[in-house]
Amino acid sequence: MVELFLVEVLKFDWSEVHEEAEELEHAMSDKLIERMDDYLGHPKVDPHGDPIPTACGTIENQSAIALSECQTGQQVTVVRIDNQDSAFLKYADDNGFRPGSVLTVVSSDPIALAVTVQTSHGREMALGHTIAEKIRVRTDYKIL
């Protein structure tokens, strides 16, 4: 939740909040965390799509698969980025792979280990499986 507060309230870039939040979380009281949670409206995920534990420590299970596992013609929604590296997050942001982004799988080639997607803005991109495995998606859209 600290990451979300840094992004939403203090306007940090999502690619730079992980380390800041790690340091802050160890110095914050439960009371401060509760107030931040109230202020943010009790969010369920952080800016990268990772689930935020509730006050009693439970985590809502998010069904998501790697983009590399998707089929040609499938429309998916990005729900999480499984890499906190600032360079990777900048790459994801620059190319339209933030949580909530809708993508269409143009082709998926398990032999070449590549996935080509089209963003909601019509841009097509070929991604290697190393990148596509770090982009977690929800697949509850119809296959075209």
Protein backbone atom coordinates (compact mmCIF):
# COMPACT_ATOMS: atom_id res chain seq x y z
CA MET A 1 0.00 0.00 0.00
CA VAL A 2 2.92 2.32 0.63
CA GLU A 3 3.88 2.01 -3.05
CA LEU A 4 0.36 3.03 -4.08
CA PHE A 5 0.43 6.00 -1.71
CA LEU A 6 3.75 7.13 -3.18
CA VAL A 7 2.38 6.89 -6.73
CA GLU A 8 -1.17 8.19 -6.20
CA VAL A 9 -0.59 10.90 -3.60
CA LEU A 10 3.05 11.92 -3.84
CA LYS A 11 3.21 11.39 -7.63
CA PHE A 12 6.31 9.18 -7.67
CA ASP A 13 6.84 7.24 -10.88
CA TRP A 14 5.78 3.59 -10.47
CA SER A 15 9.26 2.49 -11.54
CA GLU A 16 10.93 4.11 -8.52
CA VAL A 17 8.66 3.30 -5.58
CA HIS A 18 9.62 -0.27 -4.67
CA GLU A 19 12.86 0.55 -2.87
CA GLU A 20 11.41 3.68 -1.24
CA ALA A 21 8.45 1.70 0.06
CA GLU A 22 10.67 -1.10 1.41
CA GLU A 23 12.54 1.40 3.58
CA LEU A 24 9.41 3.24 4.73
CA GLU A 25 7.40 0.14 5.62
CA HIS A 26 9.87 -0.80 8.36
CA ALA A 27 9.54 2.59 10.03
CA MET A 28 5.77 3.07 9.84
CA SER A 29 3.31 2.43 12.64
CA ASP A 30 0.17 0.34 12.17
CA LYS A 31 -1.86 3.49 12.82
CA LEU A 32 -0.19 5.33 9.93
CA ILE A 33 -0.69 2.37 7.60
CA GLU A 34 -4.38 2.17 8.58
CA ARG A 35 -4.84 5.88 7.85
CA MET A 36 -3.15 5.50 4.46
CA ASP A 37 -5.38 2.51 3.70
CA ASP A 38 -8.48 4.55 4.61
CA TYR A 39 -7.29 7.51 2.55
CA LEU A 40 -6.70 5.31 -0.51
CA GLY A 41 -10.09 3.57 -0.17
CA HIS A 42 -8.75 0.15 0.90
CA PRO A 43 -7.04 -0.82 -2.35
CA LYS A 44 -6.57 -4.49 -3.19
CA VAL A 45 -3.46 -4.12 -5.40
CA ASP A 46 -0.38 -1.92 -5.60
CA PRO A 47 0.64 0.03 -8.75
CA HIS A 48 2.32 -3.08 -10.20
CA GLY A 49 -0.76 -5.24 -9.64
CA ASP A 50 0.62 -7.14 -6.66
CA PRO A 51 -2.05 -7.92 -4.05
CA ILE A 52 -2.02 -5.84 -0.86
CA PRO A 53 -2.65 -7.87 2.32
CA THR A 54 -5.63 -6.88 4.43
CA ALA A 55 -5.14 -5.68 8.02
CA CYS A 56 -5.48 -9.29 9.21
CA GLY A 57 -2.89 -10.47 6.68
CA THR A 58 -5.05 -12.22 4.10
CA ILE A 59 -4.29 -11.79 0.43
CA GLU A 60 -6.94 -11.97 -2.25
CA ASN A 61 -6.02 -14.60 -4.83
CA GLN A 62 -5.74 -13.18 -8.33
CA SER A 63 -6.05 -15.64 -11.15
CA ALA A 64 -3.51 -14.60 -13.75
CA ILE A 65 -1.22 -16.32 -16.20
CA ALA A 66 1.90 -15.21 -18.02
CA LEU A 67 1.34 -13.47 -21.34
CA SER A 68 3.66 -16.10 -22.84
CA GLU A 69 0.97 -18.75 -22.15
CA CYS A 70 -1.77 -17.02 -24.15
CA GLN A 71 -3.20 -18.18 -27.44
CA THR A 72 -3.34 -16.38 -30.76
CA GLY A 73 -6.49 -14.25 -30.99
CA GLN A 74 -7.01 -14.01 -27.27
CA GLN A 75 -7.84 -10.65 -25.73
CA VAL A 76 -6.37 -10.21 -22.26
CA THR A 77 -6.07 -7.61 -19.52
CA VAL A 78 -2.74 -6.95 -17.82
CA VAL A 79 -3.20 -7.46 -14.07
CA ARG A 80 0.35 -7.56 -12.72
CA ILE A 81 3.98 -6.96 -13.62
CA ASP A 82 6.23 -9.57 -12.02
CA ASN A 83 9.39 -7.51 -12.04
CA GLN A 84 10.14 -4.55 -9.78
CA ASP A 85 13.29 -3.52 -11.67
CA SER A 86 12.92 0.17 -12.55
CA ALA A 87 14.24 -0.32 -16.12
CA PHE A 88 11.72 -3.11 -16.75
CA LEU A 89 8.85 -1.07 -15.28
CA LYS A 90 9.81 1.88 -17.49
CA TYR A 91 9.85 -0.46 -20.51
CA ALA A 92 6.41 -1.83 -19.54
CA ASP A 93 5.01 1.68 -19.06
CA ASP A 94 6.48 3.02 -22.30
CA ASN A 95 4.94 0.14 -24.25
CA GLY A 96 1.46 0.06 -22.74
CA PHE A 97 1.80 -2.90 -20.37
CA ARG A 98 0.45 -1.39 -17.14
CA PRO A 99 -2.19 -3.15 -15.05
CA GLY A 100 -5.55 -2.52 -16.68
CA SER A 101 -4.14 -2.40 -20.22
CA VAL A 102 -5.98 -4.55 -22.75
CA LEU A 103 -3.93 -6.52 -25.27
CA THR A 104 -4.76 -8.82 -28.16
CA VAL A 105 -2.44 -11.73 -28.85
CA VAL A 106 -1.69 -11.49 -32.58
CA SER A 107 0.54 -14.57 -32.59
CA SER A 108 2.18 -16.91 -30.16
CA ASP A 109 5.08 -19.05 -31.26
CA PRO A 110 6.28 -21.53 -28.60
CA ILE A 111 9.13 -22.72 -30.84
CA ALA A 112 10.54 -19.21 -31.42
CA LEU A 113 9.64 -18.28 -27.83
CA ALA A 114 7.90 -15.12 -28.99
CA VAL A 115 4.50 -13.50 -28.55
CA THR A 116 3.23 -10.66 -30.73
CA VAL A 117 0.59 -8.44 -29.15
CA GLN A 118 -1.46 -5.47 -30.20
CA THR A 119 -2.08 -2.77 -27.62
CA SER A 120 -5.38 -0.94 -27.25
CA HIS A 121 -3.77 1.90 -29.24
CA GLY A 122 -3.21 -0.41 -32.22
CA ARG A 123 0.53 -0.80 -31.80
CA GLU A 124 1.93 -4.28 -32.51
CA MET A 125 4.96 -5.55 -30.62
CA ALA A 126 6.88 -8.80 -30.63
CA LEU A 127 7.99 -9.89 -27.17
CA GLY A 128 10.38 -12.64 -26.21
CA HIS A 129 9.18 -15.12 -23.62
CA THR A 130 11.56 -13.63 -21.01
CA ILE A 131 9.52 -10.43 -21.11
CA ALA A 132 6.13 -12.06 -21.75
CA GLU A 133 6.54 -14.28 -18.67
CA LYS A 134 6.80 -11.20 -16.45
CA ILE A 135 3.53 -9.72 -17.71
CA ARG A 136 0.65 -11.43 -15.92
CA VAL A 137 -2.77 -11.27 -17.54
CA ARG A 138 -6.37 -12.21 -16.99
CA THR A 139 -7.80 -14.29 -19.77
CA ASP A 140 -11.50 -14.06 -19.16
CA TYR A 141 -12.12 -12.50 -22.53
CA LYS A 142 -13.44 -14.41 -25.53
CA ILE A 143 -11.04 -15.81 -28.08
CA LEU A 144 -11.67 -13.95 -31.35
